[in-house]
Amino acid sequence: SPLRTAHEGLLAGHLGVTLKKGQYTRTRNVDICRDDFHDFLKRFKTDYVDVMMLHNVDEDADMDEVLKGKFMDLAQELKAQGKARYIGLSSHEAPAAIRAVQSGLVDVLMFSMNPAFDVLGHISPDNTEEDAEKRKAELAREDNERVFSKRKELYNLCMREQIGLVAMKPFAGGWLLSTQKLKKAPTAVQCLSFTLAQPGVSTVVPGVKSLWELDDVLRYVSASVEERDYSDLVKNNEWDLEGSCMYCNHCLPCPVQINIAETNKLIDIASFEITPLLKKQYEALDVHAGECTACGQCETRCPFGVEIISKMQQGAALFGK
């Protein structure tokens, strides 16, 4: 197949994720990863990807396997063969991401960034030192400041090491744009403006599921200075995403094949009102919340501490199965 030309943009492909019985599954099996990567190239009719993203590395043990084992050998082999220009890595956890950057083995980092994850302790250029100290005193938990500090350390490390920092989840899985916990939810433009303003960020990859959402994102391009202003987010101290599902599917695979993210989404909507359409969508799921065996595997994988077993019980109660 012909090589892509520069005007066609940049193409990223993941290494370390596959489908198992139709469900998203993270894997470090090099044979599966090699086959899936070549299938990706074939489907996109290309000879290479610009960035080969080592997928979803959050835990120390997994990072050891990714950086020091056969998985990294495969990534470097594919790069040496010209099938990837750069090696990237995606993560939700700053300590793990810092290890990856310090290893010297990755060129690009994709990391979850948005006002909800980063705003605690964030000081705008107009704030005084006195404001900064007051802000720190307002932190609800001592570890918030520690987490915030690690995230800022990561961003600055990427900038120093010239690692391309790609911000993912700028709207926290859509939660920021629709949350009932805030007096006024931020706009997509404000979230993008905040994320792009963070140290070292090269670009942001917002997820959309409709043309309307795409238009909402593209408003950033023509937005005024006032529309891009996120200072009110900096002053807001109501963020609390712990336990909130971001619908990212990192909890999968489920042993009984529950589509956890989609199920959680319907449960969250149902907490406001159960409509006939919502019931129909729930009925259409291949496996329902009531079939959860409470094995707990999903909860060990969730980056956001969601009590998934409890959510499944809630769903079964709401929908009757």
Protein backbone atom coordinates (compact mmCIF):
# COMPACT_ATOMS: atom_id res chain seq x y z
CA SER A 1 0.00 0.00 0.00
CA PRO A 2 1.26 3.54 -0.71
CA LEU A 3 2.80 5.62 2.02
CA ARG A 4 0.70 8.42 3.43
CA THR A 5 1.71 11.96 2.55
CA ALA A 6 2.24 14.84 4.98
CA HIS A 7 -1.06 16.57 4.21
CA GLU A 8 -2.97 13.52 5.41
CA GLY A 9 -2.04 14.33 9.01
CA LEU A 10 -0.73 12.09 11.77
CA LEU A 11 -1.96 8.57 12.45
CA ALA A 12 -1.65 6.90 15.84
CA GLY A 13 -2.22 3.21 16.53
CA HIS A 14 -2.31 1.30 19.81
CA LEU A 15 -0.15 -1.65 20.81
CA GLY A 16 -1.44 -3.69 23.72
CA VAL A 17 -5.19 -3.62 23.21
CA THR A 18 -7.31 -6.21 21.43
CA LEU A 19 -10.86 -7.51 21.20
CA LYS A 20 -11.76 -10.71 23.04
CA LYS A 21 -15.25 -12.06 22.39
CA GLY A 22 -16.19 -8.59 21.16
CA GLN A 23 -14.94 -6.79 24.27
CA TYR A 24 -12.04 -4.41 24.78
CA THR A 25 -9.13 -6.26 26.40
CA ARG A 26 -5.70 -5.05 27.42
CA THR A 27 -2.93 -7.51 26.56
CA ARG A 28 0.86 -7.75 26.68
CA ASN A 29 1.01 -10.98 24.66
CA VAL A 30 3.51 -10.12 21.92
CA ASP A 31 2.07 -12.53 19.35
CA ILE A 32 -1.42 -11.09 19.72
CA CYS A 33 -0.05 -7.53 19.71
CA ARG A 34 2.01 -8.12 16.56
CA ASP A 35 -0.94 -9.64 14.69
CA ASP A 36 -3.34 -6.90 15.79
CA PHE A 37 -0.89 -4.15 14.84
CA HIS A 38 -0.40 -5.54 11.34
CA ASP A 39 -4.19 -5.90 11.03
CA PHE A 40 -4.47 -2.21 11.97
CA LEU A 41 -2.03 -1.24 9.19
CA LYS A 42 -3.97 -3.34 6.70
CA ARG A 43 -7.32 -1.84 7.67
CA PHE A 44 -5.98 1.70 7.37
CA LYS A 45 -4.21 0.88 4.10
CA THR A 46 -0.88 2.19 5.27
CA ASP A 47 2.67 0.94 5.80
CA TYR A 48 3.25 2.74 9.09
CA VAL A 49 1.80 4.78 11.91
CA ASP A 50 3.29 8.05 13.07
CA VAL A 51 2.86 7.15 16.75
CA MET A 52 2.60 3.61 18.09
CA MET A 53 0.92 4.04 21.47
CA LEU A 54 1.75 1.48 24.18
CA HIS A 55 -1.69 1.22 25.68
CA ASN A 56 -2.90 2.08 29.20
CA VAL A 57 0.02 1.59 31.59
CA ASP A 58 -0.88 2.68 35.13
CA GLU A 59 0.58 0.15 37.57
CA ASP A 60 4.25 -0.38 38.51
CA ALA A 61 4.22 -4.10 37.70
CA ASP A 62 2.68 -3.46 34.30
CA MET A 63 5.17 -0.66 33.65
CA ASP A 64 8.04 -3.06 34.41
CA GLU A 65 6.68 -5.51 31.84
CA VAL A 66 6.09 -2.81 29.25
CA LEU A 67 9.45 -1.08 29.58
CA LYS A 68 11.74 -4.02 30.29
CA GLY A 69 10.22 -7.07 28.61
CA LYS A 70 9.32 -8.58 25.26
CA PHE A 71 6.55 -6.01 24.79
CA MET A 72 9.08 -3.17 24.45
CA ASP A 73 11.28 -5.40 22.29
CA LEU A 74 8.34 -5.76 19.90
CA ALA A 75 7.70 -2.00 19.89
CA GLN A 76 11.33 -1.25 19.07
CA GLU A 77 11.36 -3.97 16.42
CA LEU A 78 8.34 -2.44 14.67
CA LYS A 79 9.91 1.00 14.88
CA ALA A 80 13.20 -0.30 13.43
CA GLN A 81 11.22 -1.84 10.56
CA GLY A 82 9.76 1.59 9.76
CA LYS A 83 6.25 0.59 10.78
CA ALA A 84 6.16 3.28 13.47
CA ARG A 85 7.94 6.63 13.47
CA TYR A 86 7.64 7.20 17.21
CA ILE A 87 6.85 5.16 20.31
CA GLY A 88 4.19 6.59 22.62
CA LEU A 89 2.58 5.47 25.87
CA SER A 90 -0.80 6.22 27.44
CA SER A 91 -1.41 6.46 31.19
CA HIS A 92 -3.75 7.92 33.81
CA GLU A 93 -1.29 7.91 36.71
CA ALA A 94 1.47 10.52 37.10
CA PRO A 95 4.01 8.31 38.96
CA ALA A 96 3.80 5.63 36.24
CA ALA A 97 3.96 8.21 33.46
CA ILE A 98 7.03 9.83 35.06
CA ARG A 99 8.79 6.46 34.98
CA ALA A 100 7.99 6.09 31.30
CA VAL A 101 9.33 9.54 30.44
CA GLN A 102 12.49 8.99 32.51
CA SER A 103 13.15 5.66 30.78
CA GLY A 104 14.13 7.38 27.54
CA LEU A 105 12.18 4.73 25.61
CA VAL A 106 9.12 6.76 24.64
CA ASP A 107 8.78 9.81 22.43
CA VAL A 108 5.14 10.69 23.12
CA LEU A 109 2.97 10.52 26.25
CA MET A 110 -0.84 10.51 26.15
CA PHE A 111 -2.16 11.48 29.58
CA SER A 112 -5.60 12.29 31.01
CA MET A 113 -5.80 16.05 31.61
CA ASN A 114 -8.71 18.38 32.33
CA PRO A 115 -9.77 21.00 34.90
CA ALA A 116 -11.27 18.38 37.21
CA PHE A 117 -8.02 16.43 37.43
CA ASP A 118 -5.66 19.41 37.47
CA VAL A 119 -7.35 22.47 38.93
CA LEU A 120 -6.78 21.75 42.63
CA GLY A 121 -3.98 24.07 43.62
CA HIS A 122 -3.74 25.57 40.12
CA ILE A 123 -2.91 29.28 40.27
CA SER A 124 -3.64 31.62 37.39
CA PRO A 125 -1.02 34.24 36.40
CA ASP A 126 -3.14 36.97 38.02
CA ASN A 127 -3.13 35.34 41.47
CA THR A 128 -0.79 36.69 44.13
CA GLU A 129 1.38 34.60 46.45
CA GLU A 130 -1.17 35.26 49.18
CA ASP A 131 -3.91 33.84 46.94
CA ALA A 132 -1.74 30.79 46.29
CA GLU A 133 -1.27 30.07 49.97
CA LYS A 134 -4.98 30.50 50.61
CA ARG A 135 -5.74 28.13 47.73
CA LYS A 136 -3.47 25.46 49.19
CA ALA A 137 -5.23 25.79 52.55
CA GLU A 138 -8.57 25.07 50.89
CA LEU A 139 -7.56 21.62 49.63
CA ALA A 140 -10.06 19.10 50.94
CA ARG A 141 -7.51 16.30 51.39
CA GLU A 142 -3.78 16.42 52.03
CA ASP A 143 -3.07 13.98 49.20
CA ASN A 144 -4.74 16.31 46.67
CA GLU A 145 -1.74 18.59 46.84
CA ARG A 146 0.62 15.62 46.50
CA VAL A 147 -1.24 14.35 43.44
CA PHE A 148 -1.34 17.83 41.96
CA SER A 149 2.39 18.23 42.53
CA LYS A 150 3.15 14.93 40.77
CA ARG A 151 1.04 15.91 37.77
CA LYS A 152 2.85 19.23 37.43
CA GLU A 153 6.18 17.45 37.82
CA LEU A 154 5.18 15.18 34.93
CA TYR A 155 4.17 18.04 32.62
CA ASN A 156 7.36 19.94 33.24
CA LEU A 157 9.44 16.78 32.81
CA CYS A 158 7.85 16.21 29.40
CA MET A 159 8.69 19.78 28.44
CA ARG A 160 12.28 19.42 29.62
CA GLU A 161 12.80 16.07 27.90
CA GLN A 162 11.00 17.23 24.72
CA ILE A 163 8.42 14.47 25.02
CA GLY A 164 5.26 15.14 23.05
CA LEU A 165 2.48 15.46 25.65
CA VAL A 166 -0.96 14.63 24.27
CA ALA A 167 -3.88 15.46 26.55
CA MET A 168 -6.76 12.98 26.54
CA LYS A 169 -10.13 13.14 28.33
CA PRO A 170 -10.28 16.98 28.32
CA PHE A 171 -13.95 16.80 29.38
CA ALA A 172 -13.47 13.91 31.87
CA GLY A 173 -15.51 11.58 29.71
CA GLY A 174 -18.20 14.26 29.26
CA TRP A 175 -18.75 14.56 33.02
CA LEU A 176 -17.51 18.15 33.17
CA LEU A 177 -19.97 19.36 30.55
CA SER A 178 -23.05 17.92 32.23
CA THR A 179 -22.31 17.50 35.94
CA GLN A 180 -24.97 18.47 38.46
CA LYS A 181 -22.33 18.91 41.18
CA LEU A 182 -21.27 22.35 39.96
CA LYS A 183 -23.26 25.56 40.02
CA LYS A 184 -22.25 26.13 36.42
CA ALA A 185 -20.67 23.46 34.24
CA PRO A 186 -17.69 24.64 32.15
CA THR A 187 -17.92 24.82 28.37
CA ALA A 188 -15.97 22.65 25.96
CA VAL A 189 -14.02 25.76 24.92
CA GLN A 190 -13.01 26.48 28.53
CA CYS A 191 -11.89 22.89 29.09
CA LEU A 192 -9.83 22.89 25.91
CA SER A 193 -8.34 26.28 26.74
CA PHE A 194 -7.34 25.12 30.21
CA THR A 195 -5.84 21.86 28.97
CA LEU A 196 -3.85 23.46 26.16
CA ALA A 197 -2.50 26.01 28.65
CA GLN A 198 -0.81 23.36 30.80
CA PRO A 199 2.99 22.98 30.61
CA GLY A 200 4.32 20.82 27.80
CA VAL A 201 1.00 20.05 26.10
CA SER A 202 1.43 19.54 22.35
CA THR A 203 -2.19 18.81 21.46
CA VAL A 204 -5.46 17.58 22.87
CA VAL A 205 -7.61 14.66 21.67
CA PRO A 206 -11.25 15.21 22.67
CA GLY A 207 -13.67 12.35 22.20
CA VAL A 208 -16.98 13.00 20.43
CA LYS A 209 -19.93 10.79 19.57
CA SER A 210 -22.03 13.12 17.40
CA LEU A 211 -21.72 15.93 14.88
CA TRP A 212 -23.14 18.31 17.45
CA GLU A 213 -20.35 17.47 19.88
CA LEU A 214 -17.79 17.87 17.11
CA ASP A 215 -19.16 21.33 16.31
CA ASP A 216 -18.98 22.18 20.02
CA VAL A 217 -15.30 21.23 20.08
CA LEU A 218 -14.49 23.12 16.89
CA ARG A 219 -15.92 26.31 18.39
CA TYR A 220 -12.58 26.60 20.17
CA VAL A 221 -10.90 27.60 16.89
CA SER A 222 -12.96 30.79 16.51
CA ALA A 223 -13.67 31.43 20.20
CA SER A 224 -12.99 34.87 21.64
CA VAL A 225 -10.56 35.58 24.47
CA GLU A 226 -13.53 35.92 26.83
CA GLU A 227 -14.97 32.55 25.75
CA ARG A 228 -11.60 30.86 26.30
CA ASP A 229 -11.18 32.36 29.77
CA TYR A 230 -11.15 29.59 32.38
CA SER A 231 -10.34 31.69 35.45
CA ASP A 232 -13.68 30.78 37.03
CA LEU A 233 -12.64 27.12 36.88
CA VAL A 234 -9.46 27.93 38.80
CA LYS A 235 -11.50 29.53 41.57
CA ASN A 236 -13.88 26.55 41.76
CA ASN A 237 -13.13 24.11 44.56
CA GLU A 238 -16.01 21.67 44.08
CA TRP A 239 -14.30 19.02 41.93
CA ASP A 240 -14.71 15.43 43.03
CA LEU A 241 -14.43 12.73 40.36
CA GLU A 242 -13.53 9.87 42.68
CA GLY A 243 -16.12 7.19 42.07
CA SER A 244 -17.48 8.79 38.88
CA CYS A 245 -17.43 6.55 35.79
CA MET A 246 -15.62 8.15 32.84
CA TYR A 247 -16.92 5.44 30.45
CA CYS A 248 -13.35 4.69 29.36
CA ASN A 249 -13.72 0.86 29.28
CA HIS A 250 -10.48 0.26 31.18
CA CYS A 251 -12.50 -1.94 33.55
CA LEU A 252 -12.98 -4.56 30.82
CA PRO A 253 -12.93 -7.45 30.01
CA CYS A 254 -15.84 -8.62 32.12
CA PRO A 255 -15.92 -12.41 32.69
CA VAL A 256 -19.66 -12.49 31.96
CA GLN A 257 -19.38 -10.00 29.07
CA ILE A 258 -21.18 -7.03 30.66
CA ASN A 259 -20.54 -3.82 28.70
CA ILE A 260 -19.75 -1.94 31.91
CA ALA A 261 -19.24 1.54 30.47
CA GLU A 262 -22.47 1.49 28.46
CA THR A 263 -24.36 -0.03 31.39
CA ASN A 264 -23.01 2.62 33.78
CA LYS A 265 -23.98 5.32 31.32
CA LEU A 266 -27.58 4.09 31.22
CA ILE A 267 -27.63 3.77 35.02
CA ASP A 268 -26.37 7.35 35.41
CA ILE A 269 -29.07 8.63 33.06
CA ALA A 270 -31.70 6.52 34.82
CA SER A 271 -30.85 8.14 38.15
CA PHE A 272 -32.60 11.26 36.81
CA GLU A 273 -35.47 9.58 34.93
CA ILE A 274 -36.20 6.18 33.42
CA THR A 275 -37.83 6.78 30.04
CA PRO A 276 -39.27 4.14 27.67
CA LEU A 277 -36.35 4.75 25.30
CA LEU A 278 -33.87 4.24 28.14
CA LYS A 279 -35.57 0.95 29.06
CA LYS A 280 -35.37 -0.12 25.42
CA GLN A 281 -31.66 0.68 25.26
CA TYR A 282 -31.05 -1.27 28.46
CA GLU A 283 -33.08 -4.23 27.18
CA ALA A 284 -30.95 -4.23 24.03
CA LEU A 285 -27.76 -4.89 26.01
CA ASP A 286 -26.48 -8.44 25.47
CA VAL A 287 -25.81 -8.91 29.19
CA HIS A 288 -27.55 -7.00 31.97
CA ALA A 289 -26.31 -5.61 35.27
CA GLY A 290 -28.11 -8.30 37.28
CA GLU A 291 -25.84 -10.94 35.79
CA CYS A 292 -22.80 -9.45 37.57
CA THR A 293 -21.08 -12.13 39.67
CA ALA A 294 -19.34 -9.55 41.93
CA CYS A 295 -15.93 -11.01 41.07
CA GLY A 296 -14.36 -7.55 41.48
CA GLN A 297 -11.90 -7.82 38.56
CA CYS A 298 -13.30 -4.65 37.00
CA GLU A 299 -12.81 -2.60 40.16
CA THR A 300 -9.09 -3.46 40.29
CA ARG A 301 -8.67 -2.02 36.78
CA CYS A 302 -10.76 1.15 37.15
CA PRO A 303 -8.56 4.29 37.17
CA PHE A 304 -11.27 6.31 38.95
CA GLY A 305 -12.18 4.11 41.90
CA VAL A 306 -15.73 3.40 40.73
CA GLU A 307 -17.60 0.91 42.93
CA ILE A 308 -18.72 -1.08 39.90
CA ILE A 309 -20.30 -3.98 41.78
CA SER A 310 -22.52 -1.53 43.63
CA LYS A 311 -23.34 0.20 40.33
CA MET A 312 -24.42 -3.12 38.80
CA GLN A 313 -26.65 -3.81 41.80
CA GLN A 314 -28.13 -0.34 41.37
CA GLY A 315 -28.75 -1.01 37.68
CA ALA A 316 -30.46 -4.31 38.38
CA ALA A 317 -32.73 -2.59 40.89
CA LEU A 318 -33.54 0.29 38.52
CA PHE A 319 -34.27 -1.82 35.46
CA GLY A 320 -35.51 -4.99 37.07
CA LYS A 321 -32.77 -7.33 35.85
